[in-house]
Protein backbone atom coordinates (compact mmCIF):
# COMPACT_ATOMS: atom_id res chain seq x y z
CA MET A 1 -116.13 -89.27 -80.65
CA LEU A 2 -117.25 -88.09 -84.02
CA ARG A 3 -116.40 -84.45 -84.59
CA PHE A 4 -114.96 -82.43 -87.44
CA PHE A 5 -113.28 -79.17 -86.57
CA THR A 6 -112.13 -78.54 -90.15
CA PRO A 7 -114.02 -78.59 -93.46
CA VAL A 8 -114.80 -82.11 -94.65
CA HIS A 9 -115.55 -82.56 -98.33
CA ASP A 10 -116.10 -86.32 -98.45
CA LEU A 11 -117.26 -88.47 -95.57
CA PRO A 12 -116.00 -92.05 -95.34
CA ASP A 13 -118.73 -94.67 -95.69
CA GLY A 14 -118.51 -95.69 -92.03
CA VAL A 15 -119.08 -92.11 -90.92
CA ARG A 16 -122.03 -91.72 -93.30
CA GLN A 17 -123.60 -94.87 -91.89
CA ARG A 18 -123.14 -93.68 -88.31
CA LEU A 19 -124.78 -90.34 -89.16
CA ARG A 20 -127.74 -92.19 -90.71
CA ASP A 21 -128.10 -94.55 -87.74
CA ILE A 22 -130.78 -92.58 -85.90
CA ASP A 23 -132.90 -94.52 -83.42
CA GLY A 24 -134.06 -91.68 -81.17
CA HIS A 25 -132.39 -93.21 -78.13
CA VAL A 26 -128.66 -93.91 -78.59
CA ASN A 27 -128.45 -91.57 -81.58
CA ALA A 28 -131.00 -88.84 -82.18
CA ALA A 29 -131.40 -85.96 -84.61
CA ILE A 30 -133.81 -83.08 -85.08
CA ILE A 31 -133.88 -81.13 -88.34
CA ALA A 32 -135.01 -77.52 -88.70
CA PHE A 33 -136.75 -76.47 -91.91
CA ASP A 34 -137.68 -73.08 -93.34
CA ALA A 35 -141.25 -73.84 -94.48
CA ALA A 36 -141.34 -70.62 -96.53
CA VAL A 37 -138.66 -71.96 -98.90
CA ARG A 38 -139.84 -75.08 -100.71
CA ASP A 39 -138.61 -76.97 -103.73
CA ASP A 40 -139.18 -80.33 -105.41
CA ASP A 41 -136.54 -82.05 -103.26
CA HIS A 42 -137.85 -80.59 -99.99
CA PRO A 43 -141.62 -80.00 -100.02
CA GLU A 44 -141.51 -79.56 -96.22
CA GLY A 45 -139.19 -76.57 -96.62
CA ARG A 46 -135.52 -75.84 -96.91
CA PRO A 47 -133.40 -77.76 -94.35
CA VAL A 48 -131.51 -75.09 -92.38
CA GLY A 49 -130.06 -76.89 -89.38
CA VAL A 50 -129.68 -80.11 -87.46
CA GLY A 51 -129.20 -80.88 -83.81
CA ARG A 52 -128.10 -84.33 -82.77
CA TRP A 53 -126.57 -86.47 -80.13
CA MET A 54 -124.53 -89.55 -80.83
CA GLY A 55 -124.07 -92.28 -78.27
CA SER A 56 -120.69 -93.28 -76.97
CA PRO A 57 -119.73 -96.64 -75.50
CA THR A 58 -117.35 -94.87 -73.09
CA GLY A 59 -119.57 -92.15 -71.64
CA PRO A 60 -122.40 -89.73 -72.24
CA PRO A 61 -123.54 -89.05 -75.80
CA GLU A 62 -122.04 -86.12 -77.66
CA LEU A 63 -124.17 -83.18 -78.74
CA ALA A 64 -123.76 -81.17 -81.94
CA VAL A 65 -125.82 -78.36 -83.45
CA THR A 66 -125.23 -77.14 -87.01
CA VAL A 67 -127.02 -74.26 -88.71
CA ILE A 68 -126.36 -73.07 -92.26
CA ASP A 69 -124.74 -69.64 -92.50
CA ASP A 70 -127.78 -67.76 -93.85
CA TYR A 71 -129.72 -68.69 -90.69
CA HIS A 72 -127.12 -67.80 -88.05
CA GLY A 73 -128.41 -65.42 -85.40
CA LYS A 74 -132.07 -66.18 -86.09
CA GLY A 75 -132.75 -68.53 -83.20
CA VAL A 76 -132.52 -71.78 -85.16
CA GLY A 77 -129.69 -73.16 -83.02
CA SER A 78 -131.53 -72.23 -79.80
CA ARG A 79 -134.70 -73.98 -80.91
CA LEU A 80 -132.78 -77.08 -81.99
CA MET A 81 -130.92 -77.20 -78.68
CA ASP A 82 -134.12 -76.74 -76.67
CA ALA A 83 -135.86 -79.51 -78.64
CA LEU A 84 -132.89 -81.85 -78.12
CA MET A 85 -132.97 -81.27 -74.37
CA VAL A 86 -136.69 -82.05 -74.24
CA LEU A 87 -136.16 -85.23 -76.26
CA ALA A 88 -133.19 -86.24 -74.10
CA ARG A 89 -135.28 -85.88 -70.93
CA ARG A 90 -138.05 -87.98 -72.46
CA ARG A 91 -135.53 -90.65 -73.44
CA GLY A 92 -134.11 -90.78 -69.92
CA LEU A 93 -130.69 -89.31 -70.66
CA ARG A 94 -129.04 -87.77 -67.64
CA ARG A 95 -126.04 -86.09 -69.24
CA ILE A 96 -124.71 -84.96 -72.62
CA ILE A 97 -121.23 -83.79 -73.59
CA ALA A 98 -120.52 -81.04 -76.15
CA ASP A 99 -117.02 -80.43 -77.50
CA VAL A 100 -116.91 -76.89 -78.88
CA LEU A 101 -114.10 -75.00 -80.55
CA ARG A 102 -112.99 -72.23 -78.21
CA GLU A 103 -113.80 -69.53 -80.80
CA ASN A 104 -117.35 -70.82 -81.45
CA MET A 105 -119.06 -68.31 -79.20
CA ALA A 106 -122.56 -69.06 -80.54
CA MET A 107 -122.40 -72.72 -79.53
CA ARG A 108 -120.72 -71.89 -76.24
CA SER A 109 -123.58 -69.51 -75.50
CA LEU A 110 -126.13 -72.25 -76.28
CA CYS A 111 -124.39 -74.61 -73.88
CA ASN A 112 -124.25 -71.97 -71.16
CA ARG A 113 -128.01 -71.34 -71.50
CA HIS A 114 -128.47 -74.93 -70.37
CA ARG A 115 -126.30 -74.52 -67.27
CA ALA A 116 -123.44 -76.49 -68.77
CA VAL A 117 -120.34 -77.17 -66.71
CA VAL A 118 -116.90 -76.90 -68.31
CA VAL A 119 -114.83 -80.06 -67.86
CA PRO A 120 -111.29 -80.86 -69.11
CA SER A 121 -111.18 -81.66 -72.81
CA GLY A 122 -107.54 -82.58 -73.23
CA ASP A 123 -107.26 -80.13 -76.15
CA ALA A 124 -106.52 -76.42 -75.64
CA ARG A 125 -108.58 -75.58 -78.76
CA VAL A 126 -111.71 -77.30 -77.41
CA VAL A 127 -114.04 -76.41 -74.55
CA ARG A 128 -115.86 -79.50 -73.30
CA TYR A 129 -119.25 -78.91 -71.73
CA ARG A 130 -121.17 -81.34 -69.56
CA ILE A 131 -124.89 -80.67 -69.66
CA ASP A 132 -126.89 -82.36 -66.92
CA ILE A 133 -130.44 -83.00 -68.07
């Protein structure tokens, strides 16, 4: 699994490549933009969040949702999660796993909105959710 539960300042090349390897089936990503904030680098708007799943050879793909701090509590994570679930259904996925730090109540709430089931994670700091699609 690819997860970082601590700040990461430099990603190894292999990790960067895996994050860029988006095919919409095994690995998928949806980016949220704030269209009201534009600049030369981002004419479509400021990127404010990303939701993704990454395939796993040993089980269901793993889900992650990240929203920049200034946009927390504004519904960005909910919209990303909803869009990911729609895409997952269209792609024929039946299940997704989300490993969430126990103290991350916002992400835990998102998972619970999608009727997630808690399953053993093997790590007392992590709540593992199984989301049936």
